Amino acid sequence: MLKDYEIDKPILETDRLIIRVLNENDVPDLREWLGRDEIYTYWGRKASKNEKNLSLCLLMPALG
């Protein structure tokens, strides 16, 4: 059931925002901002080792 949702996730779009599934074209942007400490200011925690190193994050198998 979860696998079906992963494939058929909707794209939510407004004039100023698009929420969609990440893809490999997003990796350069993720590398740029995930390593920056100020990104985590409003998340209430510091970046994990995996978040600091996007390669580790992307290599981890999906849960489910």
Protein backbone atom coordinates (compact mmCIF):
# COMPACT_ATOMS: atom_id res chain seq x y z
CA MET A 1 0.00 0.00 0.00
CA LEU A 2 2.78 2.45 0.88
CA LYS A 3 4.61 1.58 -2.35
CA ASP A 4 1.54 2.63 -4.35
CA TYR A 5 1.52 5.97 -2.54
CA GLU A 6 5.23 6.48 -3.27
CA ILE A 7 4.53 6.07 -6.98
CA ASP A 8 1.27 8.02 -7.13
CA LYS A 9 2.04 10.97 -4.84
CA PRO A 10 0.17 14.08 -5.89
CA ILE A 11 1.93 17.30 -6.83
CA LEU A 12 0.64 20.22 -4.80
CA GLU A 13 1.08 23.57 -6.51
CA THR A 14 0.29 27.19 -5.71
CA ASP A 15 1.46 30.42 -7.31
CA ARG A 16 4.54 30.45 -5.07
CA LEU A 17 5.17 26.84 -4.10
CA ILE A 18 5.39 23.38 -5.65
CA ILE A 19 5.49 20.30 -3.41
CA ARG A 20 6.51 17.18 -5.27
CA VAL A 21 8.59 14.04 -4.93
CA LEU A 22 12.33 14.66 -4.95
CA ASN A 23 14.32 13.33 -7.88
CA GLU A 24 17.98 13.13 -8.91
CA ASN A 25 17.83 16.61 -10.43
CA ASP A 26 17.30 17.99 -6.90
CA VAL A 27 20.60 16.62 -5.55
CA PRO A 28 22.80 19.67 -6.35
CA ASP A 29 20.38 22.00 -4.55
CA LEU A 30 20.05 19.62 -1.59
CA ARG A 31 23.84 19.40 -1.29
CA GLU A 32 24.00 23.19 -1.17
CA TRP A 33 21.50 23.77 1.63
CA LEU A 34 21.49 20.61 3.75
CA GLY A 35 25.05 21.20 4.90
CA ARG A 36 24.30 24.70 6.19
CA ASP A 37 23.73 24.93 9.95
CA GLU A 38 21.33 27.88 9.66
CA ILE A 39 18.84 25.64 7.83
CA TYR A 40 18.31 23.70 11.07
CA THR A 41 17.61 26.77 13.22
CA TYR A 42 13.85 26.35 12.95
CA TRP A 43 13.85 22.55 12.96
CA GLY A 44 14.78 22.56 16.65
CA ARG A 45 17.81 20.31 16.26
CA LYS A 46 21.21 20.12 14.61
CA ALA A 47 21.90 18.32 11.36
CA SER A 48 22.60 14.61 11.64
CA LYS A 49 25.72 13.03 10.16
CA ASN A 50 23.64 11.75 7.24
CA GLU A 51 22.07 15.14 6.61
CA LYS A 52 25.49 16.79 6.60
CA ASN A 53 26.70 14.20 4.08
CA LEU A 54 23.97 13.87 1.46
CA SER A 55 25.69 10.89 -0.14
CA LEU A 56 25.05 8.88 3.05
CA CYS A 57 21.47 10.07 3.17
CA LEU A 58 20.77 9.00 -0.41
CA LEU A 59 22.41 5.60 0.05
CA MET A 60 20.19 4.62 2.98
CA PRO A 61 17.36 2.26 1.96
CA ALA A 62 13.82 3.59 2.22
CA LEU A 63 11.84 2.39 5.20
CA GLY A 64 8.66 0.50 4.58
